[in-house]
C-alpha atoms as a PDB file:
ATOM      1  CA  MET A   1       9.316  43.099  18.554  1.00  0.00           C
ATOM      2  CA  SER A   2      10.199  41.085  21.165  1.00  0.00           C
ATOM      3  CA  LYS A   3      11.761  37.503  20.799  1.00  0.00           C
ATOM      4  CA  THR A   4       8.709  36.114  22.444  1.00  0.00           C
ATOM      5  CA  THR A   5       6.434  37.885  20.286  1.00  0.00           C
ATOM      6  CA  SER A   6       8.454  36.832  17.266  1.00  0.00           C
ATOM      7  CA  SER A   7       8.413  33.086  18.297  1.00  0.00           C
ATOM      8  CA  SER A   8       4.475  33.095  18.799  1.00  0.00           C
ATOM      9  CA  ALA A   9       4.312  34.716  15.595  1.00  0.00           C
ATOM     10  CA  ILE A  10       6.259  32.036  13.685  1.00  0.00           C
ATOM     11  CA  LEU A  11       4.216  29.113  15.609  1.00  0.00           C
ATOM     12  CA  GLU A  12       0.788  30.738  14.708  1.00  0.00           C
ATOM     13  CA  SER A  13       1.756  30.981  11.280  1.00  0.00           C
ATOM     14  CA  VAL A  14       2.928  27.251  11.216  1.00  0.00           C
ATOM     15  CA  SER A  15      -0.328  26.580  12.993  1.00  0.00           C
ATOM     16  CA  ASP A  16      -2.301  28.327  10.253  1.00  0.00           C
ATOM     17  CA  ALA A  17      -0.718  26.700   7.366  1.00  0.00           C
ATOM     18  CA  ILE A  18      -1.215  23.256   8.985  1.00  0.00           C
ATOM     19  CA  VAL A  19      -5.094  24.174   9.202  1.00  0.00           C
ATOM     20  CA  ASP A  20      -5.151  25.349   5.984  1.00  0.00           C
ATOM     21  CA  VAL A  21      -4.131  22.404   4.237  1.00  0.00           C
ATOM     22  CA  THR A  22      -6.209  20.246   6.485  1.00  0.00           C
ATOM     23  CA  GLU A  23      -9.337  22.315   5.081  1.00  0.00           C
ATOM     24  CA  ARG A  24      -8.055  21.600   1.567  1.00  0.00           C
ATOM     25  CA  VAL A  25      -7.675  17.851   1.781  1.00  0.00           C
ATOM     26  CA  SER A  26     -10.708  17.650   3.940  1.00  0.00           C
ATOM     27  CA  LYS A  27     -12.848  18.445   0.766  1.00  0.00           C
ATOM     28  CA  SER A  28     -11.342  15.190  -0.794  1.00  0.00           C
ATOM     29  CA  VAL A  29     -12.169  12.888   1.982  1.00  0.00           C
ATOM     30  CA  VAL A  30     -15.271  10.965   2.546  1.00  0.00           C
ATOM     31  CA  ARG A  31     -16.332   8.422   5.043  1.00  0.00           C
ATOM     32  CA  VAL A  32     -16.685   4.634   3.594  1.00  0.00           C
ATOM     33  CA  GLY A  33     -19.306   2.632   5.704  1.00  0.00           C
ATOM     34  CA  ALA A  34     -18.970  -0.907   5.314  1.00  0.00           C
ATOM     35  CA  GLY A  35     -21.673  -2.117   8.254  1.00  0.00           C
ATOM     36  CA  ARG A  36     -22.622  -1.140  11.551  1.00  0.00           C
ATOM     37  CA  TRP A  37     -19.534  -1.849  13.159  1.00  0.00           C
ATOM     38  CA  ARG A  38     -17.189  -1.496  10.338  1.00  0.00           C
ATOM     39  CA  GLY A  39     -16.140   1.532   8.282  1.00  0.00           C
ATOM     40  CA  GLY A  40     -13.172   3.982   7.424  1.00  0.00           C
ATOM     41  CA  THR A  41     -12.438   6.661   5.216  1.00  0.00           C
ATOM     42  CA  GLY A  42     -12.361   7.130   1.659  1.00  0.00           C
ATOM     43  CA  THR A  43     -10.043   9.454  -0.561  1.00  0.00           C
ATOM     44  CA  VAL A  44     -11.766  10.940  -4.147  1.00  0.00           C
ATOM     45  CA  TRP A  45      -9.090  10.339  -6.831  1.00  0.00           C
ATOM     46  CA  SER A  46     -11.277  11.880  -9.633  1.00  0.00           C
ATOM     47  CA  LYS A  47     -13.584  14.317 -10.118  1.00  0.00           C
ATOM     48  CA  ASP A  48     -15.814  11.998 -11.958  1.00  0.00           C
ATOM     49  CA  GLY A  49     -16.683   9.404  -9.072  1.00  0.00           C
ATOM     50  CA  HIS A  50     -13.565   7.584  -8.200  1.00  0.00           C
ATOM     51  CA  ILE A  51     -12.535   6.906  -4.594  1.00  0.00           C
ATOM     52  CA  VAL A  52      -9.651   5.032  -3.180  1.00  0.00           C
ATOM     53  CA  THR A  53      -9.787   3.242   0.121  1.00  0.00           C
ATOM     54  CA  SER A  54      -7.967   0.469   2.109  1.00  0.00           C
ATOM     55  CA  ASN A  55      -9.284  -2.902   0.962  1.00  0.00           C
ATOM     56  CA  HIS A  56      -9.947  -4.400   4.388  1.00  0.00           C
ATOM     57  CA  VAL A  57     -12.369  -1.479   5.100  1.00  0.00           C
ATOM     58  CA  ILE A  58     -14.937  -2.867   2.612  1.00  0.00           C
ATOM     59  CA  GLY A  59     -14.141  -6.344   3.198  1.00  0.00           C
ATOM     60  CA  ASP A  60     -15.662  -8.863   0.325  1.00  0.00           C
ATOM     61  CA  MET A  61     -18.702  -6.295  -0.283  1.00  0.00           C
ATOM     62  CA  ARG A  62     -19.748  -5.114  -3.642  1.00  0.00           C
ATOM     63  CA  GLU A  63     -21.285  -2.053  -2.821  1.00  0.00           C
ATOM     64  CA  VAL A  64     -20.779   0.189   0.014  1.00  0.00           C
ATOM     65  CA  GLU A  65     -22.295   3.671   1.424  1.00  0.00           C
ATOM     66  CA  VAL A  66     -20.016   6.467   1.161  1.00  0.00           C
ATOM     67  CA  GLY A  67     -20.946   9.855   3.417  1.00  0.00           C
ATOM     68  CA  PHE A  68     -19.650  13.657   2.054  1.00  0.00           C
ATOM     69  CA  SER A  69     -18.848  16.300   4.137  1.00  0.00           C
ATOM     70  CA  ASP A  70     -22.039  18.352   3.176  1.00  0.00           C
ATOM     71  CA  GLY A  71     -24.086  15.301   4.269  1.00  0.00           C
ATOM     72  CA  THR A  72     -25.228  13.416   1.486  1.00  0.00           C
ATOM     73  CA  LYS A  73     -24.953   9.817   0.966  1.00  0.00           C
ATOM     74  CA  GLN A  74     -24.394   7.690  -2.101  1.00  0.00           C
ATOM     75  CA  VAL A  75     -23.933   3.665  -2.643  1.00  0.00           C
ATOM     76  CA  ALA A  76     -20.666   3.247  -4.388  1.00  0.00           C
ATOM     77  CA  LYS A  77     -19.843   0.359  -6.289  1.00  0.00           C
ATOM     78  CA  VAL A  78     -16.535  -1.716  -5.902  1.00  0.00           C
ATOM     79  CA  VAL A  79     -14.824  -1.070  -9.268  1.00  0.00           C
ATOM     80  CA  GLY A  80     -11.665  -3.515  -8.260  1.00  0.00           C
ATOM     81  CA  ARG A  81      -9.724  -4.697  -5.284  1.00  0.00           C
ATOM     82  CA  ASP A  82      -6.030  -5.365  -4.589  1.00  0.00           C
ATOM     83  CA  PRO A  83      -5.430  -7.345  -1.177  1.00  0.00           C
ATOM     84  CA  TYR A  84      -1.728  -7.352  -1.766  1.00  0.00           C
ATOM     85  CA  SER A  85      -1.702  -3.782  -1.727  1.00  0.00           C
ATOM     86  CA  ASP A  86      -4.625  -3.139   0.300  1.00  0.00           C
ATOM     87  CA  LEU A  87      -6.391  -0.813  -1.758  1.00  0.00           C
ATOM     88  CA  ALA A  88      -9.866  -0.858  -3.289  1.00  0.00           C
ATOM     89  CA  LEU A  89     -11.163   1.283  -5.725  1.00  0.00           C
ATOM     90  CA  LEU A  90     -14.955   2.429  -5.613  1.00  0.00           C
ATOM     91  CA  LYS A  91     -17.047   4.673  -8.017  1.00  0.00           C
ATOM     92  CA  VAL A  92     -20.274   6.921  -7.202  1.00  0.00           C
ATOM     93  CA  ASP A  93     -22.693   8.086  -9.774  1.00  0.00           C
ATOM     94  CA  SER A  94     -21.051  12.123  -9.588  1.00  0.00           C
ATOM     95  CA  ASN A  95     -19.066  14.487 -11.726  1.00  0.00           C
ATOM     96  CA  ASN A  96     -18.637  17.316  -9.300  1.00  0.00           C
ATOM     97  CA  LEU A  97     -16.070  15.674  -6.772  1.00  0.00           C
ATOM     98  CA  THR A  98     -12.891  17.281  -5.460  1.00  0.00           C
ATOM     99  CA  PRO A  99      -9.835  15.073  -6.197  1.00  0.00           C
ATOM    100  CA  VAL A 100      -7.171  15.295  -3.901  1.00  0.00           C
ATOM    101  CA  GLU A 101      -4.102  16.556  -5.326  1.00  0.00           C
ATOM    102  CA  THR A 102      -1.191  13.675  -5.721  1.00  0.00           C
ATOM    103  CA  GLY A 103       2.780  13.815  -4.818  1.00  0.00           C
ATOM    104  CA  ASN A 104       5.681  11.864  -5.644  1.00  0.00           C
ATOM    105  CA  SER A 105       6.218   9.243  -3.000  1.00  0.00           C
ATOM    106  CA  ASP A 106       9.663   8.362  -4.438  1.00  0.00           C
ATOM    107  CA  ASN A 107      11.085  12.002  -3.182  1.00  0.00           C
ATOM    108  CA  LEU A 108      10.164  11.698   0.590  1.00  0.00           C
ATOM    109  CA  LYS A 109      12.565  12.002   3.275  1.00  0.00           C
ATOM    110  CA  VAL A 110      13.092  10.815   6.672  1.00  0.00           C
ATOM    111  CA  GLY A 111      11.785  13.796   9.303  1.00  0.00           C
ATOM    112  CA  GLN A 112       9.618  15.094   6.602  1.00  0.00           C
ATOM    113  CA  PHE A 113       6.570  16.424   8.030  1.00  0.00           C
ATOM    114  CA  VAL A 114       3.067  14.618   7.003  1.00  0.00           C
ATOM    115  CA  ILE A 115      -0.605  15.070   7.955  1.00  0.00           C
ATOM    116  CA  ALA A 116      -3.331  11.906   8.204  1.00  0.00           C
ATOM    117  CA  VAL A 117      -6.684  12.965   7.425  1.00  0.00           C
ATOM    118  CA  ALA A 118      -9.612  11.082   8.053  1.00  0.00           C
ATOM    119  CA  ASN A 119     -13.745  11.345   8.206  1.00  0.00           C
ATOM    120  CA  PRO A 120     -14.557   7.959  10.012  1.00  0.00           C
ATOM    121  CA  PHE A 121     -17.874   9.211  11.408  1.00  0.00           C
ATOM    122  CA  GLY A 122     -19.078  10.896   8.765  1.00  0.00           C
ATOM    123  CA  ARG A 123     -19.581  14.294  10.957  1.00  0.00           C
ATOM    124  CA  GLN A 124     -16.667  16.296  10.510  1.00  0.00           C
ATOM    125  CA  PRO A 125     -12.707  15.511   9.284  1.00  0.00           C
ATOM    126  CA  SER A 126     -10.347  14.615  11.855  1.00  0.00           C
ATOM    127  CA  ALA A 127      -6.555  14.808  11.462  1.00  0.00           C
ATOM    128  CA  THR A 128      -3.152  14.041  13.021  1.00  0.00           C
ATOM    129  CA  SER A 129       0.313  14.700  12.379  1.00  0.00           C
ATOM    130  CA  GLY A 130       3.859  13.126  12.562  1.00  0.00           C
ATOM    131  CA  ILE A 131       7.121  12.865  10.523  1.00  0.00           C
ATOM    132  CA  VAL A 132       8.379  10.305   8.150  1.00  0.00           C
ATOM    133  CA  THR A 133      10.527   7.688   9.787  1.00  0.00           C
ATOM    134  CA  ASN A 134      10.897   5.121   6.988  1.00  0.00           C
ATOM    135  CA  PRO A 135       9.595   6.276   3.474  1.00  0.00           C
ATOM    136  CA  THR A 136      10.473   2.433   1.876  1.00  0.00           C
ATOM    137  CA  PHE A 137      10.362  -0.059   4.539  1.00  0.00           C
ATOM    138  CA  SER A 138       9.146  -3.513   3.206  1.00  0.00           C
ATOM    139  CA  THR A 139       7.065  -6.037   5.747  1.00  0.00           C
ATOM    140  CA  ARG A 140       6.722  -9.443   4.903  1.00  0.00           C
ATOM    141  CA  ARG A 141       3.622  -9.880   6.870  1.00  0.00           C
ATOM    142  CA  TRP A 142       0.929  -7.804   9.037  1.00  0.00           C
ATOM    143  CA  TRP A 143      -2.791  -8.258  10.615  1.00  0.00           C
ATOM    144  CA  GLY A 144      -4.925 -10.817   9.155  1.00  0.00           C
ATOM    145  CA  GLY A 145      -1.960 -13.013   7.144  1.00  0.00           C
ATOM    146  CA  GLY A 146      -1.422 -10.452   4.367  1.00  0.00           C
ATOM    147  CA  GLY A 147       1.255  -8.652   3.157  1.00  0.00           C
ATOM    148  CA  LEU A 148       2.525  -5.220   2.229  1.00  0.00           C
ATOM    149  CA  ASP A 149       5.480  -4.385   0.181  1.00  0.00           C
ATOM    150  CA  LYS A 150       7.491  -1.076   0.384  1.00  0.00           C
ATOM    151  CA  VAL A 151       5.148   0.602   3.002  1.00  0.00           C
ATOM    152  CA  LEU A 152       5.584   4.146   4.108  1.00  0.00           C
ATOM    153  CA  VAL A 153       6.416   4.225   7.925  1.00  0.00           C
ATOM    154  CA  THR A 154       5.561   7.383   9.883  1.00  0.00           C
ATOM    155  CA  ASP A 155       4.961   8.503  13.666  1.00  0.00           C
ATOM    156  CA  ALA A 156       1.487   9.738  13.325  1.00  0.00           C
ATOM    157  CA  ARG A 157      -1.052   8.238  15.302  1.00  0.00           C
ATOM    158  CA  LEU A 158      -3.754   6.821  13.182  1.00  0.00           C
ATOM    159  CA  ASN A 159      -7.038   6.001  15.260  1.00  0.00           C
ATOM    160  CA  PRO A 160      -9.636   3.950  14.521  1.00  0.00           C
ATOM    161  CA  GLY A 161     -11.273   4.857  11.048  1.00  0.00           C
ATOM    162  CA  TYR A 162      -8.430   6.084   9.514  1.00  0.00           C
ATOM    163  CA  SER A 163      -7.463   3.437   7.010  1.00  0.00           C
ATOM    164  CA  GLY A 164      -8.479   4.735   3.530  1.00  0.00           C
ATOM    165  CA  GLY A 165      -7.725   8.345   4.097  1.00  0.00           C
ATOM    166  CA  PRO A 166      -4.631  10.527   2.838  1.00  0.00           C
ATOM    167  CA  LEU A 167      -1.816  10.934   4.111  1.00  0.00           C
ATOM    168  CA  VAL A 168      -0.140  14.418   2.732  1.00  0.00           C
ATOM    169  CA  ASP A 169       2.804  16.358   3.018  1.00  0.00           C
ATOM    170  CA  ALA A 170       3.065  20.090   3.941  1.00  0.00           C
ATOM    171  CA  ARG A 171       1.636  21.283   0.590  1.00  0.00           C
ATOM    172  CA  GLY A 172      -1.404  18.920   0.911  1.00  0.00           C
ATOM    173  CA  ARG A 173      -0.305  16.886  -1.894  1.00  0.00           C
ATOM    174  CA  MET A 174      -1.126  13.163  -0.990  1.00  0.00           C
ATOM    175  CA  VAL A 175       2.099  10.873  -0.656  1.00  0.00           C
ATOM    176  CA  GLY A 176       0.217   7.624   0.700  1.00  0.00           C
ATOM    177  CA  ILE A 177      -3.230   5.922   2.143  1.00  0.00           C
ATOM    178  CA  ASN A 178      -3.245   5.300   5.577  1.00  0.00           C
ATOM    179  CA  ALA A 179      -3.467   1.278   6.418  1.00  0.00           C
ATOM    180  CA  ALA A 180      -2.783   0.458   9.707  1.00  0.00           C
ATOM    181  CA  TYR A 181      -1.336   1.502  13.073  1.00  0.00           C
ATOM    182  CA  ALA A 182       1.026  -0.902  14.868  1.00  0.00           C
ATOM    183  CA  ASN A 183       3.811  -0.886  17.029  1.00  0.00           C
ATOM    184  CA  ASN A 184       2.986   2.924  17.581  1.00  0.00           C
ATOM    185  CA  ARG A 185       3.744   3.518  13.871  1.00  0.00           C
ATOM    186  CA  GLY A 186       1.175   4.324  10.986  1.00  0.00           C
ATOM    187  CA  ILE A 187       1.517   2.375   7.708  1.00  0.00           C
ATOM    188  CA  SER A 188       0.765   3.787   4.644  1.00  0.00           C
ATOM    189  CA  VAL A 189       0.620   2.588   0.871  1.00  0.00           C
ATOM    190  CA  PRO A 190       2.595   4.776  -0.974  1.00  0.00           C
ATOM    191  CA  VAL A 191       1.113   7.086  -3.620  1.00  0.00           C
ATOM    192  CA  ASN A 192       3.267   5.718  -6.436  1.00  0.00           C
ATOM    193  CA  THR A 193       1.742   1.947  -5.769  1.00  0.00           C
ATOM    194  CA  ILE A 194      -1.524   3.560  -5.699  1.00  0.00           C
ATOM    195  CA  LYS A 195      -1.185   5.252  -8.948  1.00  0.00           C
ATOM    196  CA  THR A 196      -0.199   1.853 -10.548  1.00  0.00           C
ATOM    197  CA  VAL A 197      -2.682   0.019  -8.963  1.00  0.00           C
ATOM    198  CA  VAL A 198      -5.713   2.277  -9.869  1.00  0.00           C
ATOM    199  CA  ASP A 199      -4.631   2.482 -13.101  1.00  0.00           C
ATOM    200  CA  LYS A 200      -4.780  -1.331 -13.605  1.00  0.00           C
ATOM    201  CA  LEU A 201      -8.125  -1.647 -11.889  1.00  0.00           C
ATOM    202  CA  LEU A 202      -9.361   0.980 -14.044  1.00  0.00           C
ATOM    203  CA  GLN A 203      -8.500  -1.156 -17.234  1.00  0.00           C
ATOM    204  CA  ASP A 204      -9.030  -4.569 -15.962  1.00  0.00           C
ATOM    205  CA  GLY A 205     -11.043  -4.555 -12.503  1.00  0.00           C
ATOM    206  CA  LYS A 206      -8.147  -6.528 -10.993  1.00  0.00           C
ATOM    207  CA  ILE A 207      -4.480  -6.867 -10.253  1.00  0.00           C
ATOM    208  CA  LYS A 208      -2.968  -9.590 -12.320  1.00  0.00           C
ATOM    209  CA  ARG A 209      -0.209 -11.229 -10.635  1.00  0.00           C
ATOM    210  CA  ALA A 210       2.270 -14.008 -11.028  1.00  0.00           C
ATOM    211  CA  TYR A 211       2.178 -16.894  -8.774  1.00  0.00           C
ATOM    212  CA  MET A 212       4.814 -19.742  -7.919  1.00  0.00           C
ATOM    213  CA  GLY A 213       3.650 -21.593  -4.879  1.00  0.00           C
ATOM    214  CA  ILE A 214       5.833 -20.987  -2.297  1.00  0.00           C
ATOM    215  CA  THR A 215       6.178 -19.857   1.109  1.00  0.00           C
ATOM    216  CA  ALA A 216       9.646 -18.149   1.975  1.00  0.00           C
ATOM    217  CA  GLU A 217      11.367 -15.702   3.747  1.00  0.00           C
ATOM    218  CA  THR A 218      14.512 -13.650   3.843  1.00  0.00           C
ATOM    219  CA  ILE A 219      17.660 -15.300   5.183  1.00  0.00           C
ATOM    220  CA  ARG A 220      21.326 -14.249   5.276  1.00  0.00           C
ATOM    221  CA  LEU A 221      24.060 -15.426   2.938  1.00  0.00           C
ATOM    222  CA  PRO A 222      27.489 -16.035   3.741  1.00  0.00           C
ATOM    223  CA  ASP A 223      30.193 -13.418   2.189  1.00  0.00           C
ATOM    224  CA  ASN A 224      30.956 -14.038  -1.038  1.00  0.00           C
ATOM    225  CA  LEU A 225      28.963 -16.938  -1.612  1.00  0.00           C
ATOM    226  CA  VAL A 226      26.633 -15.501  -4.732  1.00  0.00           C
ATOM    227  CA  GLY A 227      27.878 -11.621  -4.435  1.00  0.00           C
ATOM    228  CA  GLN A 228      24.553 -10.776  -2.513  1.00  0.00           C
ATOM    229  CA  PRO A 229      24.065 -10.599   1.191  1.00  0.00           C
ATOM    230  CA  ALA A 230      20.625 -12.119   1.158  1.00  0.00           C
ATOM    231  CA  GLY A 231      18.233 -14.872  -0.378  1.00  0.00           C
ATOM    232  CA  LEU A 232      14.788 -16.096  -0.045  1.00  0.00           C
ATOM    233  CA  ILE A 233      14.467 -19.833   1.979  1.00  0.00           C
ATOM    234  CA  ILE A 234      11.848 -21.855   1.080  1.00  0.00           C
ATOM    235  CA  TYR A 235       9.935 -23.498   3.671  1.00  0.00           C
ATOM    236  CA  GLY A 236       6.620 -24.417   1.494  1.00  0.00           C
ATOM    237  CA  VAL A 237       5.974 -25.490  -1.985  1.00  0.00           C
ATOM    238  CA  ASP A 238       2.132 -25.832  -2.974  1.00  0.00           C
ATOM    239  CA  LYS A 239       0.648 -28.881  -4.561  1.00  0.00           C
ATOM    240  CA  ASP A 240       0.245 -28.680  -8.270  1.00  0.00           C
ATOM    241  CA  SER A 241       1.989 -25.218  -8.325  1.00  0.00           C
ATOM    242  CA  ALA A 242       4.164 -23.991 -10.739  1.00  0.00           C
ATOM    243  CA  ALA A 243       7.469 -24.402  -8.227  1.00  0.00           C
ATOM    244  CA  LYS A 244       6.386 -27.640  -7.570  1.00  0.00           C
ATOM    245  CA  LYS A 245       6.539 -28.762 -11.218  1.00  0.00           C
ATOM    246  CA  ALA A 246       9.787 -26.958 -11.686  1.00  0.00           C
ATOM    247  CA  GLY A 247      11.369 -28.974  -8.883  1.00  0.00           C
ATOM    248  CA  VAL A 248      11.778 -26.300  -6.310  1.00  0.00           C
ATOM    249  CA  ALA A 249      12.295 -28.217  -2.662  1.00  0.00           C
ATOM    250  CA  ILE A 250      11.979 -26.966   0.726  1.00  0.00           C
ATOM    251  CA  GLY A 251      15.207 -25.714   1.760  1.00  0.00           C
ATOM    252  CA  ASP A 252      16.383 -24.425  -1.480  1.00  0.00           C
ATOM    253  CA  VAL A 253      17.381 -20.511  -1.236  1.00  0.00           C
ATOM    254  CA  ILE A 254      16.178 -18.143  -4.203  1.00  0.00           C
ATOM    255  CA  VAL A 255      18.831 -15.992  -4.921  1.00  0.00           C
ATOM    256  CA  LYS A 256      17.379 -14.597  -8.475  1.00  0.00           C
ATOM    257  CA  LEU A 257      14.745 -14.364 -11.251  1.00  0.00           C
ATOM    258  CA  ASP A 258      15.728 -14.183 -14.651  1.00  0.00           C
ATOM    259  CA  GLY A 259      19.355 -13.012 -13.659  1.00  0.00           C
ATOM    260  CA  LYS A 260      18.123 -10.167 -11.302  1.00  0.00           C
ATOM    261  CA  PRO A 261      18.800 -10.207  -7.456  1.00  0.00           C
ATOM    262  CA  VAL A 262      15.894 -11.514  -4.986  1.00  0.00           C
ATOM    263  CA  GLU A 263      16.662 -11.137  -1.309  1.00  0.00           C
ATOM    264  CA  THR A 264      13.183 -10.215  -0.271  1.00  0.00           C
ATOM    265  CA  LEU A 265       9.899 -11.090  -0.946  1.00  0.00           C
ATOM    266  CA  ALA A 266       9.307  -7.498  -2.153  1.00  0.00           C
ATOM    267  CA  ASP A 267      11.848  -8.099  -4.987  1.00  0.00           C
ATOM    268  CA  LEU A 268      10.137 -11.285  -6.145  1.00  0.00           C
ATOM    269  CA  ARG A 269       6.792  -9.911  -5.955  1.00  0.00           C
ATOM    270  CA  GLY A 270       8.062  -6.935  -8.062  1.00  0.00           C
ATOM    271  CA  LEU A 271       9.504  -9.491 -10.436  1.00  0.00           C
ATOM    272  CA  LEU A 272       6.330 -11.623 -10.552  1.00  0.00           C
ATOM    273  CA  ASP A 273       4.258  -8.851 -12.097  1.00  0.00           C
ATOM    274  CA  ASP A 274       1.462  -9.788 -15.220  1.00  0.00           C
ATOM    275  CA  GLY A 275       4.039 -10.022 -17.654  1.00  0.00           C
ATOM    276  CA  ALA A 276       5.640 -13.259 -16.080  1.00  0.00           C
ATOM    277  CA  ILE A 277       2.261 -15.155 -16.154  1.00  0.00           C
ATOM    278  CA  GLY A 278       2.637 -18.064 -18.646  1.00  0.00           C
ATOM    279  CA  LYS A 279       6.287 -17.134 -19.332  1.00  0.00           C
ATOM    280  CA  GLN A 280       9.227 -19.448 -18.977  1.00  0.00           C
ATOM    281  CA  VAL A 281      11.668 -17.559 -16.248  1.00  0.00           C
ATOM    282  CA  LYS A 282      14.968 -18.823 -15.091  1.00  0.00           C
ATOM    283  CA  LEU A 283      14.790 -19.397 -11.052  1.00  0.00           C
ATOM    284  CA  SER A 284      18.701 -19.467  -9.552  1.00  0.00           C
ATOM    285  CA  VAL A 285      18.500 -21.557  -6.106  1.00  0.00           C
ATOM    286  CA  LEU A 286      21.091 -22.443  -3.915  1.00  0.00           C
ATOM    287  CA  ARG A 287      21.015 -26.074  -2.764  1.00  0.00           C
ATOM    288  CA  GLY A 288      23.384 -26.718  -0.150  1.00  0.00           C
ATOM    289  CA  GLU A 289      26.280 -24.469  -1.363  1.00  0.00           C
ATOM    290  CA  LYS A 290      25.557 -25.650  -5.299  1.00  0.00           C
ATOM    291  CA  LEU A 291      23.862 -23.057  -7.401  1.00  0.00           C
ATOM    292  CA  THR A 292      21.063 -24.593  -9.439  1.00  0.00           C
ATOM    293  CA  GLU A 293      19.406 -23.203 -12.419  1.00  0.00           C
ATOM    294  CA  LEU A 294      15.727 -24.053 -12.559  1.00  0.00           C
ATOM    295  CA  THR A 295      13.062 -23.197 -15.268  1.00  0.00           C
ATOM    296  CA  ILE A 296       9.578 -22.099 -14.221  1.00  0.00           C
ATOM    297  CA  THR A 297       6.454 -21.125 -15.453  1.00  0.00           C
ATOM    298  CA  PRO A 298       4.496 -18.754 -13.278  1.00  0.00           C
ATOM    299  CA  THR A 299       0.573 -18.922 -13.247  1.00  0.00           C
ATOM    300  CA  GLU A 300      -1.933 -16.208 -12.426  1.00  0.00           C
ATOM    301  CA  ALA A 301      -2.527 -15.833  -8.841  1.00  0.00           C
ATOM    302  CA  GLU A 302      -6.113 -16.340  -7.816  1.00  0.00           C
ATOM    303  CA  GLN A 303      -8.056 -13.377  -5.870  1.00  0.00           C
ATOM    304  CA  ASP A 304     -10.324 -13.622  -3.228  1.00  0.00           C
END
């Protein structure tokens, strides 16, 4: 066999493998319609009719049309949503769906091959591919003023309608839900985050989060000041909030919550889970160069 023939055989084998993975995953991909000019993709989560999609795809709708690859359509009810992770859970009346196989997003490596699958128009699935460029990126703000923490970034081009569709690895295991395409990068919610959110939505219909009532962003700290390189500088304190009642002031720099380091909003949100609601916690802030300890009792965050 010549070198050229051998190379062609390898390329053909790789191509066939990608086609096989895409076809298998496509069975778990549906169209989610949210009005004449809006819509996206959904990913089948369970055989009994649960479907995961992006929260921004469905907006404030309580019911939404779902289109399947065989041409059938059903009305899905919104079980719950979480604007913070941009995820929503739908339910259709079915017990014969093909759920996507899930992987472990914590094991992703830079350079790993991924495929994004979608069905935005309900006719046939579409796909694009790329590599992981950052498996644990944290972003403070994205379109619409919301926030996503610990997102998965790839160079896969996500076309309109890809939101809510699965991002899978070379074996067809879902490693994320596609959320946005910005700055020539695909932004996806890691599957491990999805697992946690879905479990809580199934249990409570919403994600309970603790709320302090501040606006803040990361700031670098002088070396050896508090033993960590960064903190959160506060530039807004909501009226009648837990932070206001605790004496938090604009210009304070949060460095710890209950003794655990806080350097980013992702750190803070990770600590402000439902277990912190109504519980007194110690907030360590730098006021000037003096470390000040405050006691704060977070409340439950309201959802739109």
